[in-house]
């Protein structure tokens, strides 16, 4: 099976499940709480099972880690190629009827052995069911956008102009906690409160609609980031923490029980990250003092 045929099959699986989510959004579904401000719906669970089953059949030699299958998390420490799946990225938005949720599928590759092992995202698919729009990339093929049944269209991301006041996207929880502080400390930046899917916010940055996207609360998991970072890095964006260290998938940077990142996350265009990160770090340090 060629890479093009595989990519088409992968996109079809993701789109089919995403369209199922769109249909089920208009029906009655169950909601339960996993933790503080952490909800799951019967739609998440149904899509999780469907995606896991279909990707297992398509890639029997690989391992699948999915958000709603806690038993799959031990695969993170296995020596296999990993498919990291979030069946509904932005569950809270889905529950509230917001359109900005997505389906995330990313590939995490482990290369080398022992202390020389390198773990990094190599491919990603982000699908927005309400818009029937998919963004996808591999490290060698560039970034593509597919609208509905149309043929994939290659994208050529362009860094935002410095003539405008740079926009920095920040999630709702971080905006509530740090938005005022950051706006006062760095008034020449526009901190934009951005609800919805983690993956779609990263796509917006990769498309040049913002200079950066920042995420500070350390709740984001690998099934949120693998597809997102694969696309961001292919676009040429920097993916680092507030200290400027690259986002790492090594075991000492990941909570092995929850698979949450232990780093803050900054994803942005290199020139903006270089010039703005020290100021942002200083503001956050003053908040912690």
Protein backbone atom coordinates (compact mmCIF):
# COMPACT_ATOMS: atom_id res chain seq x y z
CA UNK A 1 0.00 0.00 0.00
CA UNK A 2 1.53 3.35 -1.04
CA UNK A 3 1.87 6.34 1.26
CA UNK A 4 -0.77 8.21 -0.77
CA UNK A 5 -3.26 5.37 -0.47
CA UNK A 6 -2.55 5.06 3.25
CA UNK A 7 -2.98 8.79 3.78
CA UNK A 8 -6.32 8.71 1.95
CA UNK A 9 -7.48 5.79 4.09
CA UNK A 10 -6.36 7.51 7.28
CA UNK A 11 -8.20 10.68 6.30
CA UNK A 12 -11.33 8.71 5.48
CA UNK A 13 -11.34 6.98 8.87
CA UNK A 14 -10.87 10.26 10.73
CA UNK A 15 -13.44 12.12 8.65
CA UNK A 16 -16.04 9.37 9.04
CA UNK A 17 -15.66 9.35 12.82
CA UNK A 18 -15.66 13.14 12.94
CA UNK A 19 -18.86 13.34 10.93
CA UNK A 20 -20.38 10.84 13.33
CA UNK A 21 -19.49 13.23 16.16
CA UNK A 22 -21.14 16.11 14.29
CA UNK A 23 -24.34 14.07 13.90
CA UNK A 24 -24.32 12.92 17.53
CA UNK A 25 -23.82 16.50 18.72
CA UNK A 26 -27.45 17.15 17.75
CA UNK A 27 -28.70 14.05 19.60
CA UNK A 28 -28.98 13.27 23.30
CA UNK A 29 -25.65 12.12 24.75
CA UNK A 30 -24.35 11.33 28.22
CA UNK A 31 -21.83 13.48 30.09
CA UNK A 32 -19.76 12.36 33.07
CA UNK A 33 -16.92 13.97 35.00
CA UNK A 34 -13.42 12.45 35.11
CA UNK A 35 -11.89 15.16 37.29
CA UNK A 36 -11.98 18.91 37.99
CA UNK A 37 -13.26 20.61 34.81
CA UNK A 38 -12.53 17.38 32.93
CA UNK A 39 -15.55 15.85 31.24
CA UNK A 40 -16.19 12.92 28.94
CA UNK A 41 -19.24 12.19 26.82
CA UNK A 42 -20.67 9.00 25.41
CA UNK A 43 -19.62 10.43 22.01
CA UNK A 44 -15.95 10.60 23.09
CA UNK A 45 -16.16 6.99 24.20
CA UNK A 46 -17.86 5.70 21.05
CA UNK A 47 -15.40 7.49 18.76
CA UNK A 48 -12.46 6.33 20.87
CA UNK A 49 -13.48 2.71 20.37
CA UNK A 50 -14.10 3.16 16.63
CA UNK A 51 -10.80 4.95 15.97
CA UNK A 52 -8.81 2.48 18.05
CA UNK A 53 -10.38 -0.48 16.27
CA UNK A 54 -9.81 0.91 12.79
CA UNK A 55 -6.23 2.08 13.35
CA UNK A 56 -5.36 -1.23 15.00
CA UNK A 57 -6.64 -3.02 11.90
CA UNK A 58 -4.75 -0.69 9.56
CA UNK A 59 -1.47 -0.78 11.52
CA UNK A 60 -1.40 -4.11 13.42
CA UNK A 61 2.31 -3.81 14.24
CA UNK A 62 1.92 -0.43 15.94
CA UNK A 63 0.34 0.55 19.27
CA UNK A 64 -2.61 2.87 19.86
CA UNK A 65 -2.81 5.28 22.80
CA UNK A 66 -6.19 6.98 23.10
CA UNK A 67 -7.58 9.41 25.63
CA UNK A 68 -10.55 7.35 26.77
CA UNK A 69 -8.71 4.03 27.03
CA UNK A 70 -6.65 4.33 30.20
CA UNK A 71 -5.35 0.80 29.67
CA UNK A 72 -3.51 1.94 26.54
CA UNK A 73 -1.22 4.34 28.40
CA UNK A 74 1.38 1.70 29.27
CA UNK A 75 2.23 1.51 25.56
CA UNK A 76 4.00 4.85 25.95
CA UNK A 77 6.96 3.02 27.47
CA UNK A 78 6.94 0.28 24.83
CA UNK A 79 9.36 0.26 21.92
CA UNK A 80 6.76 0.66 19.17
CA UNK A 81 5.54 3.34 16.83
CA UNK A 82 2.59 4.98 18.59
CA UNK A 83 -0.66 6.38 17.24
CA UNK A 84 -1.91 8.98 19.73
CA UNK A 85 -5.64 9.66 19.39
CA UNK A 86 -7.95 12.24 20.91
CA UNK A 87 -11.44 11.42 19.62
CA UNK A 88 -12.81 14.80 20.72
CA UNK A 89 -10.28 17.54 21.39
CA UNK A 90 -12.34 20.25 23.04
CA UNK A 91 -14.92 18.11 24.81
CA UNK A 92 -16.16 21.04 26.91
CA UNK A 93 -16.78 23.04 23.74
CA UNK A 94 -18.58 20.07 22.18
CA UNK A 95 -20.84 19.83 25.25
CA UNK A 96 -21.65 23.54 25.05
CA UNK A 97 -22.49 23.38 21.35
CA UNK A 98 -19.38 25.27 20.25
CA UNK A 99 -18.14 24.32 16.78
CA UNK A 100 -14.41 24.47 17.57
CA UNK A 101 -13.77 20.87 18.56
CA UNK A 102 -11.66 18.45 16.54
CA UNK A 103 -10.43 14.89 16.10
CA UNK A 104 -6.67 14.49 16.59
CA UNK A 105 -4.50 11.62 15.35
CA UNK A 106 -0.72 11.82 15.59
CA UNK A 107 2.25 9.49 15.13
CA UNK A 108 5.00 9.37 17.76
CA UNK A 109 8.22 7.71 16.61
CA UNK A 110 10.94 6.27 18.82
CA UNK A 111 14.37 6.05 17.22
CA UNK A 112 17.62 4.75 18.67
CA UNK A 113 18.14 2.91 21.93
CA UNK A 114 19.01 3.59 25.54
CA UNK A 115 20.13 7.13 26.37
CA UNK A 116 20.32 7.89 22.64
CA UNK A 117 16.61 7.28 22.07
CA UNK A 118 14.87 10.14 20.30
CA UNK A 119 11.07 10.39 20.65
CA UNK A 120 9.33 12.85 18.36
CA UNK A 121 6.09 13.44 16.44
CA UNK A 122 6.38 12.52 12.77
CA UNK A 123 2.86 12.98 11.36
CA UNK A 124 -0.46 14.51 12.32
CA UNK A 125 -4.08 14.86 11.25
CA UNK A 126 -6.42 17.47 12.75
CA UNK A 127 -10.04 17.35 11.62
CA UNK A 128 -12.72 19.93 12.41
CA UNK A 129 -16.05 18.09 11.83
CA UNK A 130 -18.29 21.16 11.93
CA UNK A 131 -16.31 22.70 9.07
CA UNK A 132 -15.52 19.38 7.31
CA UNK A 133 -11.93 20.59 7.21
CA UNK A 134 -8.74 18.61 7.80
CA UNK A 135 -5.13 19.71 8.23
CA UNK A 136 -2.48 17.03 7.91
CA UNK A 137 1.26 16.68 7.54
CA UNK A 138 4.26 14.41 7.71
CA UNK A 139 7.82 15.54 8.27
CA UNK A 140 8.60 14.95 4.59
CA UNK A 141 5.39 15.92 2.76
CA UNK A 142 4.63 19.41 4.04
CA UNK A 143 1.27 20.67 5.34
CA UNK A 144 -1.96 19.96 3.53
CA UNK A 145 -5.56 21.10 3.88
CA UNK A 146 -8.49 18.99 2.72
CA UNK A 147 -12.00 20.44 2.50
CA UNK A 148 -14.71 17.78 2.36
CA UNK A 149 -14.30 15.51 -0.66
CA UNK A 150 -11.91 17.86 -2.47
CA UNK A 151 -8.33 16.88 -3.27
CA UNK A 152 -5.74 17.85 -0.64
CA UNK A 153 -4.24 21.31 -1.12
CA UNK A 154 -0.64 22.01 -0.11
CA UNK A 155 -0.18 25.02 2.19
CA UNK A 156 2.70 27.47 2.36
CA UNK A 157 2.50 29.09 5.81
CA UNK A 158 3.74 32.66 6.11
CA UNK A 159 4.97 34.31 9.30
CA UNK A 160 2.64 37.08 10.57
CA UNK A 161 3.65 40.61 9.64
CA UNK A 162 5.48 42.63 12.27
CA UNK A 163 3.63 45.72 11.10
CA UNK A 164 0.68 44.65 13.21
CA UNK A 165 0.46 44.25 16.98
CA UNK A 166 1.46 40.58 17.45
CA UNK A 167 -1.32 38.26 18.58
CA UNK A 168 -0.63 35.60 21.19
CA UNK A 169 -3.34 32.98 21.63
CA UNK A 170 -3.97 31.76 25.16
CA UNK A 171 -6.53 29.22 26.39
CA UNK A 172 -9.48 30.15 28.57
CA UNK A 173 -8.09 28.85 31.88
CA UNK A 174 -4.70 30.49 31.35
CA UNK A 175 -6.38 33.70 30.21
CA UNK A 176 -8.44 33.78 33.41
CA UNK A 177 -5.33 33.18 35.53
CA UNK A 178 -2.70 35.20 33.68
CA UNK A 179 -4.36 37.29 30.96
CA UNK A 180 -4.43 40.57 32.89
CA UNK A 181 -0.91 40.07 34.24
CA UNK A 182 0.54 39.35 30.81
CA UNK A 183 -1.34 42.19 29.11
CA UNK A 184 -0.06 44.69 31.68
CA UNK A 185 3.50 43.33 31.61
CA UNK A 186 3.71 43.19 27.79
CA UNK A 187 1.25 45.82 26.50
CA UNK A 188 2.58 45.73 22.93
CA UNK A 189 1.22 42.17 22.55
CA UNK A 190 -2.43 41.31 22.04
CA UNK A 191 -3.27 38.30 24.21
CA UNK A 192 -6.29 36.68 22.60
CA UNK A 193 -8.56 34.48 24.70
CA UNK A 194 -9.04 31.40 22.55
CA UNK A 195 -11.55 28.67 23.48
CA UNK A 196 -11.83 25.37 21.64
CA UNK A 197 -9.52 22.61 20.54
CA UNK A 198 -5.81 22.70 21.42
CA UNK A 199 -5.07 21.33 17.96
CA UNK A 200 -7.05 24.01 16.12
CA UNK A 201 -5.26 26.76 18.05
CA UNK A 202 -1.91 25.29 16.98
CA UNK A 203 -3.16 25.17 13.38
CA UNK A 204 -4.10 28.85 13.59
CA UNK A 205 -0.56 29.69 14.69
CA UNK A 206 0.91 27.49 11.95
CA UNK A 207 -1.20 29.31 9.36
CA UNK A 208 0.19 32.65 10.51
CA UNK A 209 -3.00 33.86 12.17
CA UNK A 210 -1.08 34.43 15.41
CA UNK A 211 2.55 34.84 16.37
CA UNK A 212 2.36 32.30 19.17
CA UNK A 213 0.14 30.01 21.19
CA UNK A 214 0.96 29.54 24.88
CA UNK A 215 -0.31 26.93 27.33
CA UNK A 216 0.81 27.08 30.95
CA UNK A 217 -1.38 24.84 33.11
CA UNK A 218 0.38 21.50 32.40
CA UNK A 219 -2.83 19.54 31.86
CA UNK A 220 -2.32 18.88 28.16
CA UNK A 221 -1.66 15.22 27.27
CA UNK A 222 0.31 13.56 24.51
CA UNK A 223 -2.83 12.78 22.48
CA UNK A 224 -3.39 16.56 22.32
CA UNK A 225 0.13 17.47 21.31
CA UNK A 226 1.53 14.81 18.96
CA UNK A 227 -0.59 15.70 15.91
CA UNK A 228 -0.42 19.39 16.76
CA UNK A 229 3.35 19.55 17.15
CA UNK A 230 3.92 17.43 14.04
CA UNK A 231 2.03 20.04 12.01
CA UNK A 232 3.64 23.01 13.79
CA UNK A 233 7.17 21.72 13.28
CA UNK A 234 6.51 20.97 9.61
CA UNK A 235 5.39 24.60 9.26
CA UNK A 236 8.72 25.68 10.77
CA UNK A 237 7.38 26.78 14.14
CA UNK A 238 9.34 26.49 17.38
CA UNK A 239 7.82 24.19 20.03
CA UNK A 240 9.40 24.84 23.42
CA UNK A 241 8.68 25.66 27.06
CA UNK A 242 9.04 28.99 28.87
CA UNK A 243 12.73 28.27 29.42
CA UNK A 244 13.23 27.81 25.69
CA UNK A 245 13.80 24.05 26.01
CA UNK A 246 12.26 21.92 23.24
CA UNK A 247 9.03 20.10 24.09
CA UNK A 248 10.19 16.63 25.06
CA UNK A 249 8.48 13.24 25.03
CA UNK A 250 11.17 11.67 27.20
CA UNK A 251 9.86 9.92 30.30
CA UNK A 252 11.23 12.56 32.69
CA UNK A 253 9.13 15.23 30.96
CA UNK A 254 5.87 13.25 30.91
CA UNK A 255 3.70 12.09 33.82
CA UNK A 256 3.76 8.36 33.09
CA UNK A 257 0.43 7.77 34.84
CA UNK A 258 -1.62 10.44 33.05
CA UNK A 259 0.68 11.12 30.05
CA UNK A 260 0.42 14.85 30.79
CA UNK A 261 3.28 17.11 29.77
CA UNK A 262 5.31 18.50 32.68
CA UNK A 263 6.47 21.48 30.63
CA UNK A 264 4.70 24.70 29.83
CA UNK A 265 4.10 24.90 26.09
CA UNK A 266 4.98 27.68 23.68
CA UNK A 267 4.36 27.17 19.96
CA UNK A 268 5.24 30.02 17.65
CA UNK A 269 7.21 31.54 14.84
CA UNK A 270 10.94 31.54 15.56
CA UNK A 271 11.58 35.29 15.38
CA UNK A 272 8.65 36.02 17.71
CA UNK A 273 9.63 33.30 20.18
CA UNK A 274 13.21 34.59 20.25
CA UNK A 275 12.18 38.18 20.95
CA UNK A 276 9.13 37.64 23.16
CA UNK A 277 9.91 34.56 25.24
CA UNK A 278 12.24 36.31 27.74
CA UNK A 279 9.61 38.95 28.45
CA UNK A 280 6.89 36.36 28.84
CA UNK A 281 9.07 34.27 31.13
CA UNK A 282 9.83 37.31 33.28
CA UNK A 283 6.12 38.12 33.60
CA UNK A 284 5.27 34.55 34.60
CA UNK A 285 8.09 34.46 37.16
CA UNK A 286 6.75 37.63 38.75
CA UNK A 287 3.32 35.98 38.98
CA UNK A 288 4.82 33.00 40.79
CA UNK A 289 6.79 35.16 43.23
